[in-house]
């Protein structure tokens, strides 16, 4: 869906940043306090959500590019 393959190559604890974001993007309510966490409130409109996804994809692609440019000794030969 327009997401570069490189964005899926950068992982943090076995998951891409985009996977982490999507996994955490749901409404929850704490059982004890009743505090509601609504990620829709993080963004004033859908453009904010789309921009966040774009930033996550950009970060992932650029990280892959930078790491691939490092000498093998610095990356553990990866």
N, C-alpha and C. Protein backbone atom coordinates (compact mmCIF):
# COMPACT_ATOMS: atom_id res chain seq x y z
N UNK A 1 0.84 -1.19 0.00
CA UNK A 1 0.00 0.00 0.00
C UNK A 1 0.87 1.24 0.00
N UNK A 2 1.94 1.23 -0.81
CA UNK A 2 2.80 2.40 -0.91
C UNK A 2 3.87 2.47 0.15
N UNK A 3 4.01 1.45 0.97
CA UNK A 3 5.05 1.44 2.00
C UNK A 3 6.27 0.72 1.42
N UNK A 4 7.43 1.39 1.40
CA UNK A 4 8.62 0.77 0.81
C UNK A 4 9.03 -0.50 1.57
N UNK A 5 9.54 -1.50 0.87
CA UNK A 5 9.96 -2.75 1.53
C UNK A 5 11.01 -2.51 2.61
N UNK A 6 11.84 -1.48 2.44
CA UNK A 6 12.88 -1.19 3.43
C UNK A 6 12.28 -0.88 4.80
N UNK A 7 11.08 -0.35 4.81
CA UNK A 7 10.43 0.00 6.09
C UNK A 7 10.16 -1.25 6.92
N UNK A 8 10.07 -2.39 6.27
CA UNK A 8 9.80 -3.64 6.98
C UNK A 8 11.09 -4.34 7.41
N UNK A 9 12.23 -3.83 6.96
CA UNK A 9 13.50 -4.46 7.31
C UNK A 9 14.06 -3.96 8.63
N UNK A 10 13.65 -2.79 9.06
CA UNK A 10 14.10 -2.25 10.35
C UNK A 10 13.16 -2.77 11.44
N UNK A 11 13.74 -3.44 12.44
CA UNK A 11 12.92 -4.01 13.50
C UNK A 11 13.46 -3.64 14.87
N UNK A 12 12.55 -3.51 15.80
CA UNK A 12 12.87 -3.26 17.20
C UNK A 12 12.23 -4.39 17.99
N UNK A 13 13.04 -5.19 18.65
CA UNK A 13 12.54 -6.36 19.38
C UNK A 13 11.66 -7.25 18.51
N UNK A 14 12.10 -7.48 17.27
CA UNK A 14 11.43 -8.41 16.39
C UNK A 14 10.22 -7.88 15.64
N UNK A 15 9.94 -6.60 15.79
CA UNK A 15 8.78 -6.02 15.09
C UNK A 15 9.17 -4.68 14.50
N UNK A 16 8.51 -4.33 13.40
CA UNK A 16 8.79 -3.02 12.80
C UNK A 16 8.13 -1.93 13.63
N UNK A 17 8.66 -0.70 13.57
CA UNK A 17 8.01 0.40 14.28
C UNK A 17 6.55 0.57 13.88
N UNK A 18 6.25 0.33 12.61
CA UNK A 18 4.86 0.44 12.15
C UNK A 18 3.98 -0.62 12.83
N UNK A 19 4.51 -1.83 12.99
CA UNK A 19 3.75 -2.87 13.70
C UNK A 19 3.51 -2.47 15.16
N UNK A 20 4.53 -1.89 15.80
CA UNK A 20 4.36 -1.43 17.18
C UNK A 20 3.27 -0.37 17.26
N UNK A 21 3.30 0.58 16.35
CA UNK A 21 2.33 1.67 16.34
C UNK A 21 0.91 1.13 16.15
N UNK A 22 0.74 0.27 15.17
CA UNK A 22 -0.59 -0.28 14.89
C UNK A 22 -1.09 -1.12 16.06
N UNK A 23 -0.18 -1.89 16.67
CA UNK A 23 -0.57 -2.73 17.80
C UNK A 23 -1.07 -1.90 18.98
N UNK A 24 -0.47 -0.75 19.18
CA UNK A 24 -0.83 0.11 20.32
C UNK A 24 -1.99 1.06 20.01
N UNK A 25 -2.41 1.11 18.76
CA UNK A 25 -3.42 2.07 18.34
C UNK A 25 -4.82 1.49 18.53
N UNK A 26 -5.26 1.44 19.77
CA UNK A 26 -6.63 1.03 20.07
C UNK A 26 -7.05 1.66 21.40
N UNK A 27 -8.34 1.84 21.55
CA UNK A 27 -8.88 2.47 22.76
C UNK A 27 -8.85 1.46 23.90
N UNK A 28 -8.30 1.89 25.03
CA UNK A 28 -8.28 1.04 26.23
C UNK A 28 -8.77 1.85 27.42
N UNK A 29 -9.29 1.14 28.40
CA UNK A 29 -9.71 1.76 29.66
C UNK A 29 -9.10 0.96 30.80
N UNK A 30 -8.37 1.66 31.67
CA UNK A 30 -7.77 1.01 32.82
C UNK A 30 -8.86 0.52 33.77
N UNK A 31 -8.78 -0.75 34.16
CA UNK A 31 -9.82 -1.33 35.02
C UNK A 31 -9.92 -0.65 36.38
N UNK A 32 -8.78 -0.29 36.93
CA UNK A 32 -8.77 0.25 38.29
C UNK A 32 -9.11 1.74 38.35
N UNK A 33 -8.52 2.51 37.46
CA UNK A 33 -8.73 3.96 37.54
C UNK A 33 -9.88 4.44 36.65
N UNK A 34 -10.22 3.64 35.65
CA UNK A 34 -11.25 4.06 34.71
C UNK A 34 -10.74 5.05 33.67
N UNK A 35 -9.43 5.32 33.70
CA UNK A 35 -8.86 6.26 32.74
C UNK A 35 -8.89 5.63 31.36
N UNK A 36 -9.39 6.41 30.42
CA UNK A 36 -9.53 5.94 29.04
C UNK A 36 -8.38 6.49 28.20
N UNK A 37 -7.71 5.61 27.49
CA UNK A 37 -6.65 6.00 26.57
C UNK A 37 -7.20 5.86 25.16
N UNK A 38 -7.44 6.99 24.53
CA UNK A 38 -8.01 7.01 23.18
C UNK A 38 -6.98 7.59 22.22
N UNK A 39 -6.31 6.75 21.44
CA UNK A 39 -5.29 7.26 20.53
C UNK A 39 -5.85 8.20 19.46
N UNK A 40 -7.15 8.15 19.23
CA UNK A 40 -7.74 9.08 18.27
C UNK A 40 -7.61 10.53 18.76
N UNK A 41 -7.49 10.70 20.08
CA UNK A 41 -7.35 12.04 20.65
C UNK A 41 -5.93 12.58 20.45
N UNK A 42 -5.00 11.71 20.07
CA UNK A 42 -3.62 12.15 19.85
C UNK A 42 -3.52 13.05 18.62
N UNK A 43 -4.45 12.88 17.70
CA UNK A 43 -4.38 13.60 16.44
C UNK A 43 -5.66 14.42 16.25
N UNK A 44 -5.53 15.68 15.90
CA UNK A 44 -6.73 16.51 15.73
C UNK A 44 -7.60 16.09 14.55
N UNK A 45 -6.98 15.43 13.57
CA UNK A 45 -7.74 14.96 12.40
C UNK A 45 -7.00 13.78 11.77
N UNK A 46 -7.58 13.19 10.74
CA UNK A 46 -6.96 12.02 10.12
C UNK A 46 -5.62 12.35 9.48
N UNK A 47 -5.40 13.60 9.13
CA UNK A 47 -4.11 13.98 8.55
C UNK A 47 -2.98 13.76 9.55
N UNK A 48 -3.26 13.95 10.83
CA UNK A 48 -2.25 13.72 11.86
C UNK A 48 -1.84 12.26 11.94
N UNK A 49 -2.82 11.38 11.83
CA UNK A 49 -2.54 9.94 11.84
C UNK A 49 -1.70 9.56 10.63
N UNK A 50 -2.10 10.06 9.47
CA UNK A 50 -1.37 9.75 8.24
C UNK A 50 0.05 10.29 8.31
N UNK A 51 0.22 11.49 8.86
CA UNK A 51 1.55 12.07 9.01
C UNK A 51 2.40 11.23 9.96
N UNK A 52 1.81 10.72 11.04
CA UNK A 52 2.54 9.88 11.98
C UNK A 52 3.03 8.60 11.30
N UNK A 53 2.16 7.98 10.52
CA UNK A 53 2.56 6.77 9.79
C UNK A 53 3.70 7.11 8.82
N UNK A 54 3.59 8.24 8.15
CA UNK A 54 4.65 8.67 7.24
C UNK A 54 5.98 8.87 7.95
N UNK A 55 5.94 9.47 9.14
CA UNK A 55 7.18 9.67 9.91
C UNK A 55 7.78 8.34 10.34
N UNK A 56 6.94 7.41 10.73
CA UNK A 56 7.42 6.09 11.15
C UNK A 56 8.08 5.37 9.98
N UNK A 57 7.44 5.42 8.82
CA UNK A 57 8.00 4.78 7.62
C UNK A 57 9.32 5.46 7.24
N UNK A 58 9.35 6.78 7.28
CA UNK A 58 10.58 7.52 6.95
C UNK A 58 11.71 7.13 7.90
N UNK A 59 11.43 7.10 9.19
CA UNK A 59 12.43 6.72 10.18
C UNK A 59 12.97 5.32 9.89
N UNK A 60 12.10 4.39 9.57
CA UNK A 60 12.51 3.02 9.31
C UNK A 60 13.39 2.93 8.07
N UNK A 61 12.98 3.57 6.99
CA UNK A 61 13.74 3.53 5.74
C UNK A 61 15.11 4.18 5.92
N UNK A 62 15.14 5.33 6.57
CA UNK A 62 16.41 6.03 6.77
C UNK A 62 17.34 5.25 7.70
N UNK A 63 16.80 4.60 8.71
CA UNK A 63 17.62 3.79 9.60
C UNK A 63 18.27 2.65 8.84
N UNK A 64 17.50 1.97 7.99
CA UNK A 64 18.05 0.89 7.16
C UNK A 64 19.16 1.44 6.27
N UNK A 65 18.93 2.59 5.65
CA UNK A 65 19.93 3.19 4.76
C UNK A 65 21.22 3.51 5.51
N UNK A 66 21.09 4.09 6.70
CA UNK A 66 22.27 4.46 7.49
C UNK A 66 23.02 3.22 7.95
N UNK A 67 22.31 2.24 8.47
CA UNK A 67 22.96 1.02 8.98
C UNK A 67 23.66 0.29 7.84
N UNK A 68 23.04 0.23 6.68
CA UNK A 68 23.68 -0.44 5.54
C UNK A 68 24.93 0.30 5.07
N UNK A 69 25.04 1.57 5.38
CA UNK A 69 26.22 2.35 5.00
C UNK A 69 27.36 2.25 5.99
N UNK A 70 27.12 1.65 7.14
CA UNK A 70 28.17 1.51 8.15
C UNK A 70 29.10 0.36 7.78
N UNK A 71 30.37 0.46 8.20
CA UNK A 71 31.28 -0.67 7.98
C UNK A 71 30.77 -1.91 8.72
N UNK A 72 31.04 -3.08 8.17
CA UNK A 72 30.57 -4.34 8.75
C UNK A 72 30.97 -4.53 10.20
N UNK A 73 32.14 -4.02 10.61
CA UNK A 73 32.60 -4.19 11.99
C UNK A 73 31.68 -3.48 12.97
N UNK A 74 31.06 -2.38 12.53
CA UNK A 74 30.17 -1.63 13.41
C UNK A 74 28.78 -2.25 13.50
N UNK A 75 28.40 -3.03 12.51
CA UNK A 75 27.05 -3.59 12.48
C UNK A 75 27.04 -5.07 12.84
N UNK A 76 28.18 -5.60 13.22
CA UNK A 76 28.23 -7.02 13.55
C UNK A 76 28.15 -7.90 12.31
N UNK A 77 28.49 -7.33 11.15
CA UNK A 77 28.47 -8.08 9.91
C UNK A 77 27.09 -8.24 9.32
N UNK A 78 26.11 -7.54 9.87
CA UNK A 78 24.73 -7.66 9.37
C UNK A 78 24.52 -6.83 8.13
